[in-house]
């Protein structure tokens, strides 16, 4: 009974965070702001939903797969956000004339 309440609460919090992330994607004006809305609350919301499902499943074999899915989301979300942010920043600088197109083709040195 208490496990069901905890599970439902975690899933509800996760769904609320995912909803705020989707509203942020629609409302924010530029790419970097939208990227922030797409990565931060969305990833945390997914983790809350997965944690709620793990609490509900208990000692089931599927709980391990949910934990792996959460770890995969934690590993990939920051990398994707970094690449999108860097590309958006470079494109904006190229559009404003602050960067030459050849600078965008140079290999990463950082």
N, C-alpha and C. Protein backbone atom coordinates (compact mmCIF):
# COMPACT_ATOMS: atom_id res chain seq x y z
N UNK A 1 0.83 -1.20 0.00
CA UNK A 1 0.00 0.00 0.00
C UNK A 1 0.87 1.26 0.00
N UNK A 2 1.87 1.32 0.89
CA UNK A 2 2.73 2.50 0.94
C UNK A 2 3.61 2.57 -0.30
N UNK A 3 4.05 1.40 -0.80
CA UNK A 3 4.84 1.36 -2.03
C UNK A 3 4.07 1.91 -3.22
N UNK A 4 2.77 1.63 -3.25
CA UNK A 4 1.94 2.16 -4.34
C UNK A 4 1.82 3.67 -4.27
N UNK A 5 1.71 4.21 -3.07
CA UNK A 5 1.61 5.67 -2.91
C UNK A 5 2.92 6.34 -3.31
N UNK A 6 4.04 5.76 -2.88
CA UNK A 6 5.34 6.32 -3.25
C UNK A 6 5.54 6.24 -4.75
N UNK A 7 5.19 5.09 -5.33
CA UNK A 7 5.33 4.92 -6.77
C UNK A 7 4.47 5.92 -7.55
N UNK A 8 3.23 6.07 -7.14
CA UNK A 8 2.34 7.01 -7.82
C UNK A 8 2.83 8.44 -7.69
N UNK A 9 3.37 8.78 -6.53
CA UNK A 9 3.90 10.14 -6.32
C UNK A 9 5.09 10.40 -7.23
N UNK A 10 6.01 9.45 -7.29
CA UNK A 10 7.19 9.61 -8.14
C UNK A 10 6.81 9.72 -9.62
N UNK A 11 5.87 8.89 -10.04
CA UNK A 11 5.44 8.95 -11.44
C UNK A 11 4.74 10.26 -11.73
N UNK A 12 3.93 10.74 -10.80
CA UNK A 12 3.24 12.02 -11.01
C UNK A 12 4.22 13.19 -11.06
N UNK A 13 5.24 13.18 -10.20
CA UNK A 13 6.26 14.23 -10.24
C UNK A 13 7.03 14.17 -11.56
N UNK A 14 7.37 12.97 -12.01
CA UNK A 14 8.07 12.82 -13.28
C UNK A 14 7.25 13.30 -14.45
N UNK A 15 5.97 13.00 -14.45
CA UNK A 15 5.09 13.47 -15.53
C UNK A 15 4.96 14.99 -15.51
N UNK A 16 4.90 15.57 -14.33
CA UNK A 16 4.83 17.04 -14.23
C UNK A 16 6.10 17.69 -14.77
N UNK A 17 7.25 17.12 -14.46
CA UNK A 17 8.50 17.66 -14.99
C UNK A 17 8.57 17.52 -16.51
N UNK A 18 8.11 16.40 -17.02
CA UNK A 18 8.10 16.23 -18.48
C UNK A 18 7.14 17.22 -19.13
N UNK A 19 6.03 17.51 -18.47
CA UNK A 19 5.08 18.49 -19.01
C UNK A 19 5.69 19.89 -19.01
N UNK A 20 6.38 20.25 -17.94
CA UNK A 20 7.01 21.57 -17.92
C UNK A 20 8.11 21.68 -18.97
N UNK A 21 8.81 20.58 -19.24
CA UNK A 21 9.83 20.58 -20.29
C UNK A 21 9.20 20.81 -21.65
N UNK A 22 8.08 20.19 -21.91
CA UNK A 22 7.43 20.38 -23.21
C UNK A 22 6.85 21.79 -23.34
N UNK A 23 6.36 22.35 -22.26
CA UNK A 23 5.88 23.74 -22.31
C UNK A 23 7.06 24.69 -22.56
N UNK A 24 8.19 24.41 -21.93
CA UNK A 24 9.39 25.22 -22.15
C UNK A 24 9.86 25.17 -23.59
N UNK A 25 9.75 24.01 -24.22
CA UNK A 25 10.12 23.90 -25.63
C UNK A 25 9.25 24.78 -26.51
N UNK A 26 8.01 24.92 -26.15
CA UNK A 26 7.10 25.75 -26.94
C UNK A 26 7.24 27.23 -26.64
N UNK A 27 7.55 27.59 -25.40
CA UNK A 27 7.51 28.98 -24.99
C UNK A 27 8.82 29.73 -25.11
N UNK A 28 9.96 29.05 -24.98
CA UNK A 28 11.24 29.75 -24.97
C UNK A 28 11.61 30.23 -26.38
N UNK A 29 12.25 31.40 -26.47
CA UNK A 29 12.44 32.02 -27.78
C UNK A 29 13.62 31.50 -28.60
N UNK A 30 14.72 31.09 -27.98
CA UNK A 30 15.89 30.75 -28.77
C UNK A 30 16.32 29.30 -28.53
N UNK A 31 17.27 28.86 -29.33
CA UNK A 31 17.69 27.46 -29.31
C UNK A 31 18.33 27.07 -27.98
N UNK A 32 19.17 27.92 -27.44
CA UNK A 32 19.86 27.55 -26.19
C UNK A 32 18.87 27.43 -25.02
N UNK A 33 17.89 28.30 -24.96
CA UNK A 33 16.88 28.19 -23.91
C UNK A 33 16.03 26.94 -24.09
N UNK A 34 15.68 26.64 -25.32
CA UNK A 34 14.90 25.43 -25.58
C UNK A 34 15.70 24.18 -25.27
N UNK A 35 16.99 24.23 -25.57
CA UNK A 35 17.84 23.09 -25.27
C UNK A 35 17.87 22.83 -23.76
N UNK A 36 17.95 23.88 -22.97
CA UNK A 36 17.94 23.73 -21.52
C UNK A 36 16.62 23.10 -21.06
N UNK A 37 15.52 23.57 -21.62
CA UNK A 37 14.21 23.01 -21.24
C UNK A 37 14.07 21.56 -21.68
N UNK A 38 14.72 21.20 -22.76
CA UNK A 38 14.59 19.83 -23.25
C UNK A 38 15.45 18.84 -22.49
N UNK A 39 16.53 19.30 -21.88
CA UNK A 39 17.44 18.35 -21.25
C UNK A 39 17.29 18.25 -19.74
N UNK A 40 17.24 19.37 -19.06
CA UNK A 40 17.28 19.31 -17.59
C UNK A 40 16.01 18.69 -16.98
N UNK A 41 14.84 19.31 -17.12
CA UNK A 41 13.67 18.71 -16.46
C UNK A 41 13.21 17.42 -17.14
N UNK A 42 13.47 17.27 -18.43
CA UNK A 42 13.05 16.06 -19.11
C UNK A 42 13.81 14.84 -18.58
N UNK A 43 15.10 14.97 -18.40
CA UNK A 43 15.91 13.86 -17.89
C UNK A 43 15.54 13.54 -16.45
N UNK A 44 15.38 14.56 -15.63
CA UNK A 44 15.00 14.33 -14.24
C UNK A 44 13.60 13.72 -14.16
N UNK A 45 12.69 14.18 -15.02
CA UNK A 45 11.34 13.61 -15.05
C UNK A 45 11.35 12.14 -15.45
N UNK A 46 12.17 11.81 -16.44
CA UNK A 46 12.30 10.41 -16.85
C UNK A 46 12.83 9.56 -15.70
N UNK A 47 13.82 10.08 -15.00
CA UNK A 47 14.38 9.33 -13.87
C UNK A 47 13.34 9.12 -12.77
N UNK A 48 12.52 10.12 -12.52
CA UNK A 48 11.46 9.98 -11.51
C UNK A 48 10.44 8.92 -11.94
N UNK A 49 10.08 8.92 -13.21
CA UNK A 49 9.12 7.92 -13.70
C UNK A 49 9.72 6.52 -13.60
N UNK A 50 10.98 6.39 -13.99
CA UNK A 50 11.63 5.08 -13.91
C UNK A 50 11.77 4.62 -12.45
N UNK A 51 12.09 5.54 -11.56
CA UNK A 51 12.20 5.20 -10.15
C UNK A 51 10.85 4.77 -9.58
N UNK A 52 9.79 5.44 -9.97
CA UNK A 52 8.46 5.03 -9.55
C UNK A 52 8.10 3.65 -10.05
N UNK A 53 8.51 3.34 -11.29
CA UNK A 53 8.24 2.00 -11.83
C UNK A 53 9.06 0.94 -11.10
N UNK A 54 10.30 1.28 -10.73
CA UNK A 54 11.14 0.33 -9.99
C UNK A 54 10.53 0.06 -8.62
N UNK A 55 10.04 1.10 -7.96
CA UNK A 55 9.40 0.92 -6.65
C UNK A 55 8.17 0.03 -6.80
N UNK A 56 7.42 0.23 -7.84
CA UNK A 56 6.20 -0.56 -8.07
C UNK A 56 6.52 -2.02 -8.39
N UNK A 57 7.58 -2.24 -9.19
CA UNK A 57 7.92 -3.61 -9.57
C UNK A 57 8.58 -4.39 -8.44
N UNK A 58 9.28 -3.70 -7.56
CA UNK A 58 9.95 -4.38 -6.45
C UNK A 58 11.16 -5.16 -6.92
N UNK A 59 11.28 -6.42 -6.52
CA UNK A 59 12.44 -7.24 -6.86
C UNK A 59 12.22 -8.04 -8.14
N UNK A 60 11.67 -7.41 -9.13
CA UNK A 60 11.44 -8.05 -10.42
C UNK A 60 12.68 -7.90 -11.28
N UNK A 61 12.85 -8.79 -12.24
CA UNK A 61 14.00 -8.74 -13.14
C UNK A 61 13.95 -7.50 -14.03
N UNK A 62 12.77 -7.00 -14.32
CA UNK A 62 12.63 -5.82 -15.17
C UNK A 62 13.15 -4.55 -14.50
N UNK A 63 13.29 -4.55 -13.20
CA UNK A 63 13.82 -3.38 -12.50
C UNK A 63 15.24 -3.06 -12.94
N UNK A 64 16.03 -4.09 -13.19
CA UNK A 64 17.39 -3.88 -13.67
C UNK A 64 17.42 -3.20 -15.03
N UNK A 65 16.50 -3.56 -15.89
CA UNK A 65 16.43 -2.92 -17.21
C UNK A 65 16.02 -1.46 -17.09
N UNK A 66 15.14 -1.15 -16.15
CA UNK A 66 14.75 0.25 -15.93
C UNK A 66 15.92 1.06 -15.39
N UNK A 67 16.71 0.46 -14.53
CA UNK A 67 17.88 1.16 -14.00
C UNK A 67 18.89 1.41 -15.12
N UNK A 68 19.09 0.43 -16.00
CA UNK A 68 19.99 0.63 -17.14
C UNK A 68 19.48 1.71 -18.08
N UNK A 69 18.18 1.77 -18.28
CA UNK A 69 17.61 2.81 -19.13
C UNK A 69 17.85 4.19 -18.52
N UNK A 70 17.72 4.31 -17.20
CA UNK A 70 17.99 5.57 -16.52
C UNK A 70 19.45 5.98 -16.62
N UNK A 71 20.35 5.01 -16.46
CA UNK A 71 21.78 5.31 -16.59
C UNK A 71 22.13 5.75 -18.01
N UNK A 72 21.53 5.10 -18.99
CA UNK A 72 21.77 5.48 -20.38
C UNK A 72 21.29 6.91 -20.64
N UNK A 73 20.15 7.27 -20.08
CA UNK A 73 19.65 8.64 -20.24
C UNK A 73 20.58 9.64 -19.56
N UNK A 74 21.10 9.30 -18.40
CA UNK A 74 22.04 10.19 -17.71
C UNK A 74 23.36 10.36 -18.47
N UNK A 75 23.78 9.34 -19.16
CA UNK A 75 25.03 9.41 -19.90
C UNK A 75 24.87 10.18 -21.20
N UNK A 76 23.79 9.95 -21.92
CA UNK A 76 23.65 10.53 -23.27
C UNK A 76 23.07 11.94 -23.29
N UNK A 77 22.22 12.30 -22.36
CA UNK A 77 21.56 13.61 -22.41
C UNK A 77 22.56 14.78 -22.34
N UNK A 78 23.54 14.78 -21.46
CA UNK A 78 24.48 15.91 -21.45
C UNK A 78 25.33 16.00 -22.71
N UNK A 79 25.69 14.86 -23.27
CA UNK A 79 26.51 14.87 -24.49
C UNK A 79 25.73 15.45 -25.66
N UNK A 80 24.49 15.04 -25.80
CA UNK A 80 23.65 15.56 -26.89
C UNK A 80 23.39 17.05 -26.69
N UNK A 81 23.13 17.47 -25.47
CA UNK A 81 22.88 18.88 -25.19
C UNK A 81 24.12 19.72 -25.50
N UNK A 82 25.29 19.21 -25.17
CA UNK A 82 26.52 19.94 -25.45
C UNK A 82 26.72 20.11 -26.95
N UNK A 83 26.50 19.05 -27.70
CA UNK A 83 26.71 19.13 -29.15
C UNK A 83 25.70 20.08 -29.80
N UNK A 84 24.46 20.04 -29.38
CA UNK A 84 23.44 20.94 -29.94
C UNK A 84 23.76 22.38 -29.57
N UNK A 85 24.14 22.62 -28.33
CA UNK A 85 24.47 23.98 -27.90
C UNK A 85 25.68 24.53 -28.63
N UNK A 86 26.68 23.70 -28.81
CA UNK A 86 27.87 24.15 -29.53
C UNK A 86 27.56 24.48 -30.99
N UNK A 87 26.77 23.64 -31.63
CA UNK A 87 26.39 23.89 -33.01
C UNK A 87 25.56 25.16 -33.14
N UNK A 88 24.62 25.37 -32.22
CA UNK A 88 23.79 26.58 -32.27
C UNK A 88 24.64 27.83 -32.05
N UNK A 89 25.59 27.75 -31.13
CA UNK A 89 26.48 28.88 -30.86
C UNK A 89 27.35 29.19 -32.07
N UNK A 90 27.91 28.18 -32.70
CA UNK A 90 28.75 28.39 -33.87
C UNK A 90 27.94 28.96 -35.04
N UNK A 91 26.74 28.45 -35.23
CA UNK A 91 25.91 28.96 -36.33
C UNK A 91 25.53 30.42 -36.10
N UNK A 92 25.25 30.80 -34.85
CA UNK A 92 24.90 32.19 -34.54
C UNK A 92 26.10 33.10 -34.79
N UNK A 93 27.27 32.68 -34.37
CA UNK A 93 28.47 33.49 -34.60
C UNK A 93 28.77 33.61 -36.08
N UNK A 94 28.54 32.55 -36.86
CA UNK A 94 28.79 32.61 -38.30
C UNK A 94 27.79 33.55 -38.96
N UNK A 95 26.55 33.54 -38.47
CA UNK A 95 25.53 34.42 -39.05
C UNK A 95 25.81 35.89 -38.74
N UNK A 96 26.36 36.15 -37.56
CA UNK A 96 26.64 37.53 -37.17
C UNK A 96 27.95 38.05 -37.77
N UNK A 97 28.70 37.19 -38.46
CA UNK A 97 29.95 37.60 -39.06
C UNK A 97 31.12 37.58 -38.11
N UNK A 98 30.96 36.99 -36.92
CA UNK A 98 32.03 36.94 -35.94
C UNK A 98 32.94 35.73 -36.15
N UNK A 99 32.52 34.84 -37.02
CA UNK A 99 33.27 33.62 -37.22
C UNK A 99 33.29 33.29 -38.70
N UNK A 100 34.42 32.84 -39.17
CA UNK A 100 34.55 32.44 -40.56
C UNK A 100 34.04 31.01 -40.71
N UNK A 101 33.52 30.65 -41.85
CA UNK A 101 33.03 29.29 -42.07
C UNK A 101 34.14 28.25 -41.90
N UNK A 102 35.37 28.62 -42.20
CA UNK A 102 36.47 27.68 -42.04
C UNK A 102 36.71 27.34 -40.57
N UNK A 103 36.36 28.25 -39.66
CA UNK A 103 36.52 27.98 -38.22
C UNK A 103 35.60 26.86 -37.76
N UNK A 104 34.48 26.71 -38.42
CA UNK A 104 33.54 25.68 -38.03
C UNK A 104 34.01 24.29 -38.46
N UNK A 105 34.85 24.23 -39.49
CA UNK A 105 35.33 22.95 -39.97
C UNK A 105 36.57 22.47 -39.25
N UNK A 106 37.17 23.31 -38.43
CA UNK A 106 38.40 22.93 -37.74
C UNK A 106 38.09 21.86 -36.71
N UNK A 107 39.02 20.93 -36.50
CA UNK A 107 38.77 19.88 -35.49
C UNK A 107 38.75 20.48 -34.09
N UNK A 108 38.03 19.82 -33.21
CA UNK A 108 37.92 20.27 -31.82
C UNK A 108 39.25 20.11 -31.13
N UNK A 109 39.66 21.16 -30.42
CA UNK A 109 40.93 21.11 -29.69
C UNK A 109 40.72 21.30 -28.21
N UNK A 110 39.48 21.26 -27.75
CA UNK A 110 39.24 21.46 -26.32
C UNK A 110 38.80 20.24 -25.62
